[in-house]
Amino acid sequence: MKQTEIIEASVEELNEKLAAFQKSYESARATHALSPLENPLSLRKQRRTIARIKTELTKRTLEQA
């Protein structure tokens, strides 16, 4: 997910995407613990996307205050 997509999304959409990405990341991490993933760098990409979404949500809550 690109940064521009994150900025354009609403807060509700970001919360939904955050939950989906976190669930996906946890399952991929568990799978990787049992047998190596074909592309282990995908874990890093997912983790960074989660961080981008969380950062944008925090930024928006601070702007409202």
PDB file of N, CA and C in Angstrom:
ATOM      1  N   MET A   1       0.844  -1.165   0.000  1.00  0.00           N
ATOM      2  CA  MET A   1       0.000   0.000   0.000  1.00  0.00           C
ATOM      3  C   MET A   1       0.895   1.236   0.000  1.00  0.00           C
ATOM      4  N   LYS A   2       0.621   2.124  -0.923  1.00  0.00           N
ATOM      5  CA  LYS A   2       1.445   3.324  -1.056  1.00  0.00           C
ATOM      6  C   LYS A   2       1.020   4.402  -0.064  1.00  0.00           C
ATOM      7  N   GLN A   3       1.945   5.297   0.202  1.00  0.00           N
ATOM      8  CA  GLN A   3       1.683   6.383   1.153  1.00  0.00           C
ATOM      9  C   GLN A   3       0.532   7.262   0.677  1.00  0.00           C
ATOM     10  N   THR A   4       0.441   7.511  -0.622  1.00  0.00           N
ATOM     11  CA  THR A   4      -0.645   8.350  -1.137  1.00  0.00           C
ATOM     12  C   THR A   4      -2.002   7.703  -0.893  1.00  0.00           C
ATOM     13  N   GLU A   5      -2.074   6.375  -0.993  1.00  0.00           N
ATOM     14  CA  GLU A   5      -3.323   5.672  -0.722  1.00  0.00           C
ATOM     15  C   GLU A   5      -3.699   5.802   0.749  1.00  0.00           C
ATOM     16  N   ILE A   6      -2.698   5.766   1.602  1.00  0.00           N
ATOM     17  CA  ILE A   6      -2.948   5.876   3.040  1.00  0.00           C
ATOM     18  C   ILE A   6      -3.456   7.274   3.374  1.00  0.00           C
ATOM     19  N   ILE A   7      -2.856   8.294   2.786  1.00  0.00           N
ATOM     20  CA  ILE A   7      -3.252   9.679   3.065  1.00  0.00           C
ATOM     21  C   ILE A   7      -4.674   9.951   2.575  1.00  0.00           C
ATOM     22  N   GLU A   8      -5.053   9.381   1.443  1.00  0.00           N
ATOM     23  CA  GLU A   8      -6.372   9.630   0.864  1.00  0.00           C
ATOM     24  C   GLU A   8      -7.484   8.848   1.539  1.00  0.00           C
ATOM     25  N   ALA A   9      -7.161   7.805   2.278  1.00  0.00           N
ATOM     26  CA  ALA A   9      -8.175   6.956   2.898  1.00  0.00           C
ATOM     27  C   ALA A   9      -8.767   7.636   4.129  1.00  0.00           C
ATOM     28  N   SER A  10      -9.999   7.257   4.448  1.00  0.00           N
ATOM     29  CA  SER A  10     -10.650   7.800   5.636  1.00  0.00           C
ATOM     30  C   SER A  10     -10.167   7.039   6.871  1.00  0.00           C
ATOM     31  N   VAL A  11     -10.517   7.548   8.021  1.00  0.00           N
ATOM     32  CA  VAL A  11     -10.087   6.925   9.274  1.00  0.00           C
ATOM     33  C   VAL A  11     -10.685   5.518   9.409  1.00  0.00           C
ATOM     34  N   GLU A  12     -11.943   5.370   9.027  1.00  0.00           N
ATOM     35  CA  GLU A  12     -12.594   4.066   9.116  1.00  0.00           C
ATOM     36  C   GLU A  12     -11.902   3.055   8.201  1.00  0.00           C
ATOM     37  N   GLU A  13     -11.587   3.494   6.977  1.00  0.00           N
ATOM     38  CA  GLU A  13     -10.896   2.607   6.038  1.00  0.00           C
ATOM     39  C   GLU A  13      -9.523   2.222   6.573  1.00  0.00           C
ATOM     40  N   LEU A  14      -8.824   3.184   7.179  1.00  0.00           N
ATOM     41  CA  LEU A  14      -7.500   2.901   7.727  1.00  0.00           C
ATOM     42  C   LEU A  14      -7.579   1.896   8.864  1.00  0.00           C
ATOM     43  N   ASN A  15      -8.586   2.031   9.718  1.00  0.00           N
ATOM     44  CA  ASN A  15      -8.744   1.076  10.815  1.00  0.00           C
ATOM     45  C   ASN A  15      -9.019  -0.327  10.291  1.00  0.00           C
ATOM     46  N   GLU A  16      -9.843  -0.430   9.246  1.00  0.00           N
ATOM     47  CA  GLU A  16     -10.139  -1.730   8.650  1.00  0.00           C
ATOM     48  C   GLU A  16      -8.888  -2.336   8.016  1.00  0.00           C
ATOM     49  N   LYS A  17      -8.148  -1.521   7.271  1.00  0.00           N
ATOM     50  CA  LYS A  17      -6.945  -2.011   6.612  1.00  0.00           C
ATOM     51  C   LYS A  17      -5.878  -2.392   7.635  1.00  0.00           C
ATOM     52  N   LEU A  18      -5.793  -1.636   8.722  1.00  0.00           N
ATOM     53  CA  LEU A  18      -4.832  -1.946   9.769  1.00  0.00           C
ATOM     54  C   LEU A  18      -5.129  -3.316  10.370  1.00  0.00           C
ATOM     55  N   ALA A  19      -6.378  -3.580  10.668  1.00  0.00           N
ATOM     56  CA  ALA A  19      -6.756  -4.876  11.230  1.00  0.00           C
ATOM     57  C   ALA A  19      -6.439  -6.002  10.254  1.00  0.00           C
ATOM     58  N   ALA A  20      -6.726  -5.772   8.981  1.00  0.00           N
ATOM     59  CA  ALA A  20      -6.463  -6.799   7.970  1.00  0.00           C
ATOM     60  C   ALA A  20      -4.968  -7.056   7.811  1.00  0.00           C
ATOM     61  N   PHE A  21      -4.184  -5.990   7.770  1.00  0.00           N
ATOM     62  CA  PHE A  21      -2.737  -6.150   7.622  1.00  0.00           C
ATOM     63  C   PHE A  21      -2.126  -6.820   8.850  1.00  0.00           C
ATOM     64  N   GLN A  22      -2.604  -6.484  10.034  1.00  0.00           N
ATOM     65  CA  GLN A  22      -2.072  -7.100  11.244  1.00  0.00           C
ATOM     66  C   GLN A  22      -2.376  -8.590  11.284  1.00  0.00           C
ATOM     67  N   LYS A  23      -3.593  -8.952  10.886  1.00  0.00           N
ATOM     68  CA  LYS A  23      -3.967 -10.361  10.860  1.00  0.00           C
ATOM     69  C   LYS A  23      -3.123 -11.117   9.826  1.00  0.00           C
ATOM     70  N   SER A  24      -2.948 -10.524   8.671  1.00  0.00           N
ATOM     71  CA  SER A  24      -2.136 -11.124   7.615  1.00  0.00           C
ATOM     72  C   SER A  24      -0.686 -11.281   8.053  1.00  0.00           C
ATOM     73  N   TYR A  25      -0.155 -10.252   8.721  1.00  0.00           N
ATOM     74  CA  TYR A  25       1.231 -10.282   9.182  1.00  0.00           C
ATOM     75  C   TYR A  25       1.439 -11.380  10.221  1.00  0.00           C
ATOM     76  N   GLU A  26       0.520 -11.491  11.164  1.00  0.00           N
ATOM     77  CA  GLU A  26       0.656 -12.513  12.200  1.00  0.00           C
ATOM     78  C   GLU A  26       0.608 -13.920  11.616  1.00  0.00           C
ATOM     79  N   SER A  27      -0.276 -14.149  10.666  1.00  0.00           N
ATOM     80  CA  SER A  27      -0.356 -15.483  10.060  1.00  0.00           C
ATOM     81  C   SER A  27       0.881 -15.778   9.219  1.00  0.00           C
ATOM     82  N   ALA A  28       1.402 -14.775   8.517  1.00  0.00           N
ATOM     83  CA  ALA A  28       2.612 -14.974   7.723  1.00  0.00           C
ATOM     84  C   ALA A  28       3.807 -15.238   8.637  1.00  0.00           C
ATOM     85  N   ARG A  29       3.854 -14.549   9.760  1.00  0.00           N
ATOM     86  CA  ARG A  29       4.956 -14.749  10.703  1.00  0.00           C
ATOM     87  C   ARG A  29       4.909 -16.150  11.310  1.00  0.00           C
ATOM     88  N   ALA A  30       3.710 -16.626  11.622  1.00  0.00           N
ATOM     89  CA  ALA A  30       3.563 -17.977  12.171  1.00  0.00           C
ATOM     90  C   ALA A  30       3.942 -19.018  11.124  1.00  0.00           C
ATOM     91  N   THR A  31       3.536 -18.790   9.893  1.00  0.00           N
ATOM     92  CA  THR A  31       3.885 -19.699   8.808  1.00  0.00           C
ATOM     93  C   THR A  31       5.389 -19.725   8.605  1.00  0.00           C
ATOM     94  N   HIS A  32       6.021 -18.568   8.678  1.00  0.00           N
ATOM     95  CA  HIS A  32       7.463 -18.467   8.476  1.00  0.00           C
ATOM     96  C   HIS A  32       8.231 -19.173   9.597  1.00  0.00           C
ATOM     97  N   ALA A  33       7.659 -19.218  10.786  1.00  0.00           N
ATOM     98  CA  ALA A  33       8.313 -19.901  11.901  1.00  0.00           C
ATOM     99  C   ALA A  33       8.349 -21.404  11.678  1.00  0.00           C
ATOM    100  N   LEU A  34       7.332 -21.929  11.020  1.00  0.00           N
ATOM    101  CA  LEU A  34       7.265 -23.375  10.779  1.00  0.00           C
ATOM    102  C   LEU A  34       8.038 -23.793   9.541  1.00  0.00           C
ATOM    103  N   SER A  35       7.842 -23.068   8.467  1.00  0.00           N
ATOM    104  CA  SER A  35       8.573 -23.360   7.230  1.00  0.00           C
ATOM    105  C   SER A  35       8.878 -22.029   6.555  1.00  0.00           C
ATOM    106  N   PRO A  36      10.072 -21.880   6.013  1.00  0.00           N
ATOM    107  CA  PRO A  36      10.465 -20.591   5.445  1.00  0.00           C
ATOM    108  C   PRO A  36       9.529 -20.129   4.327  1.00  0.00           C
ATOM    109  N   LEU A  37       9.247 -18.832   4.330  1.00  0.00           N
ATOM    110  CA  LEU A  37       8.446 -18.253   3.258  1.00  0.00           C
ATOM    111  C   LEU A  37       9.286 -18.162   1.987  1.00  0.00           C
ATOM    112  N   GLU A  38       8.610 -18.156   0.859  1.00  0.00           N
ATOM    113  CA  GLU A  38       9.315 -18.016  -0.408  1.00  0.00           C
ATOM    114  C   GLU A  38       9.999 -16.654  -0.489  1.00  0.00           C
ATOM    115  N   ASN A  39       9.316 -15.630   0.021  1.00  0.00           N
ATOM    116  CA  ASN A  39       9.881 -14.279   0.027  1.00  0.00           C
ATOM    117  C   ASN A  39       9.814 -13.717   1.451  1.00  0.00           C
ATOM    118  N   PRO A  40      10.843 -13.945   2.258  1.00  0.00           N
ATOM    119  CA  PRO A  40      10.788 -13.479   3.640  1.00  0.00           C
ATOM    120  C   PRO A  40      10.791 -11.956   3.776  1.00  0.00           C
ATOM    121  N   LEU A  41      11.177 -11.234   2.720  1.00  0.00           N
ATOM    122  CA  LEU A  41      11.148  -9.770   2.785  1.00  0.00           C
ATOM    123  C   LEU A  41       9.723  -9.234   2.793  1.00  0.00           C
ATOM    124  N   SER A  42       8.759 -10.084   2.455  1.00  0.00           N
ATOM    125  CA  SER A  42       7.365  -9.641   2.506  1.00  0.00           C
ATOM    126  C   SER A  42       6.949  -9.323   3.943  1.00  0.00           C
ATOM    127  N   LEU A  43       7.580  -9.991   4.922  1.00  0.00           N
ATOM    128  CA  LEU A  43       7.286  -9.682   6.324  1.00  0.00           C
ATOM    129  C   LEU A  43       7.684  -8.243   6.641  1.00  0.00           C
ATOM    130  N   ARG A  44       8.840  -7.825   6.159  1.00  0.00           N
ATOM    131  CA  ARG A  44       9.302  -6.453   6.390  1.00  0.00           C
ATOM    132  C   ARG A  44       8.354  -5.459   5.736  1.00  0.00           C
ATOM    133  N   LYS A  45       7.923  -5.772   4.520  1.00  0.00           N
ATOM    134  CA  LYS A  45       7.023  -4.877   3.795  1.00  0.00           C
ATOM    135  C   LYS A  45       5.703  -4.724   4.540  1.00  0.00           C
ATOM    136  N   GLN A  46       5.167  -5.832   5.040  1.00  0.00           N
ATOM    137  CA  GLN A  46       3.911  -5.777   5.790  1.00  0.00           C
ATOM    138  C   GLN A  46       4.074  -4.997   7.085  1.00  0.00           C
ATOM    139  N   ARG A  47       5.182  -5.212   7.769  1.00  0.00           N
ATOM    140  CA  ARG A  47       5.435  -4.520   9.030  1.00  0.00           C
ATOM    141  C   ARG A  47       5.538  -3.013   8.811  1.00  0.00           C
ATOM    142  N   ARG A  48       6.190  -2.611   7.741  1.00  0.00           N
ATOM    143  CA  ARG A  48       6.335  -1.191   7.444  1.00  0.00           C
ATOM    144  C   ARG A  48       5.008  -0.560   7.014  1.00  0.00           C
ATOM    145  N   THR A  49       4.192  -1.304   6.306  1.00  0.00           N
ATOM    146  CA  THR A  49       2.870  -0.797   5.923  1.00  0.00           C
ATOM    147  C   THR A  49       2.016  -0.570   7.163  1.00  0.00           C
ATOM    148  N   ILE A  50       2.080  -1.504   8.104  1.00  0.00           N
ATOM    149  CA  ILE A  50       1.349  -1.349   9.367  1.00  0.00           C
ATOM    150  C   ILE A  50       1.820  -0.090  10.083  1.00  0.00           C
ATOM    151  N   ALA A  51       3.122   0.143  10.090  1.00  0.00           N
ATOM    152  CA  ALA A  51       3.667   1.333  10.746  1.00  0.00           C
ATOM    153  C   ALA A  51       3.202   2.608  10.052  1.00  0.00           C
ATOM    154  N   ARG A  52       3.149   2.597   8.727  1.00  0.00           N
ATOM    155  CA  ARG A  52       2.678   3.776   7.990  1.00  0.00           C
ATOM    156  C   ARG A  52       1.224   4.099   8.345  1.00  0.00           C
ATOM    157  N   ILE A  53       0.398   3.071   8.413  1.00  0.00           N
ATOM    158  CA  ILE A  53      -1.018   3.271   8.736  1.00  0.00           C
ATOM    159  C   ILE A  53      -1.154   3.803  10.155  1.00  0.00           C
ATOM    160  N   LYS A  54      -0.428   3.213  11.099  1.00  0.00           N
ATOM    161  CA  LYS A  54      -0.500   3.670  12.490  1.00  0.00           C
ATOM    162  C   LYS A  54      -0.025   5.114  12.612  1.00  0.00           C
ATOM    163  N   THR A  55       1.012   5.472  11.883  1.00  0.00           N
ATOM    164  CA  THR A  55       1.529   6.835  11.917  1.00  0.00           C
ATOM    165  C   THR A  55       0.491   7.820  11.408  1.00  0.00           C
ATOM    166  N   GLU A  56      -0.167   7.478  10.317  1.00  0.00           N
ATOM    167  CA  GLU A  56      -1.195   8.360   9.761  1.00  0.00           C
ATOM    168  C   GLU A  56      -2.375   8.500  10.725  1.00  0.00           C
ATOM    169  N   LEU A  57      -2.783   7.410  11.367  1.00  0.00           N
ATOM    170  CA  LEU A  57      -3.875   7.488  12.332  1.00  0.00           C
ATOM    171  C   LEU A  57      -3.502   8.369  13.518  1.00  0.00           C
ATOM    172  N   THR A  58      -2.275   8.245  14.006  1.00  0.00           N
ATOM    173  CA  THR A  58      -1.811   9.077  15.108  1.00  0.00           C
ATOM    174  C   THR A  58      -1.761  10.530  14.703  1.00  0.00           C
ATOM    175  N   LYS A  59      -1.289  10.787  13.503  1.00  0.00           N
ATOM    176  CA  LYS A  59      -1.222  12.153  12.990  1.00  0.00           C
ATOM    177  C   LYS A  59      -2.604  12.784  12.933  1.00  0.00           C
ATOM    178  N   ARG A  60      -3.581  12.027  12.486  1.00  0.00           N
ATOM    179  CA  ARG A  60      -4.941  12.559  12.372  1.00  0.00           C
ATOM    180  C   ARG A  60      -5.567  12.806  13.744  1.00  0.00           C
ATOM    181  N   THR A  61      -5.300  11.947  14.718  1.00  0.00           N
ATOM    182  CA  THR A  61      -5.860  12.168  16.059  1.00  0.00           C
ATOM    183  C   THR A  61      -5.218  13.387  16.709  1.00  0.00           C
ATOM    184  N   LEU A  62      -3.946  13.628  16.456  1.00  0.00           N
ATOM    185  CA  LEU A  62      -3.285  14.792  17.026  1.00  0.00           C
ATOM    186  C   LEU A  62      -3.764  16.084  16.369  1.00  0.00           C
ATOM    187  N   GLU A  63      -4.134  16.035  15.102  1.00  0.00           N
ATOM    188  CA  GLU A  63      -4.646  17.215  14.419  1.00  0.00           C
ATOM    189  C   GLU A  63      -6.011  17.613  14.962  1.00  0.00           C
ATOM    190  N   GLN A  64      -6.798  16.634  15.378  1.00  0.00           N
ATOM    191  CA  GLN A  64      -8.140  16.923  15.898  1.00  0.00           C
ATOM    192  C   GLN A  64      -8.092  17.551  17.279  1.00  0.00           C
ATOM    193  N   ALA A  65      -7.065  17.238  18.032  1.00  0.00           N
ATOM    194  CA  ALA A  65      -6.981  17.729  19.417  1.00  0.00           C
ATOM    195  C   ALA A  65      -6.570  19.175  19.500  1.00  0.00           C
TER     196      ALA A  65
END
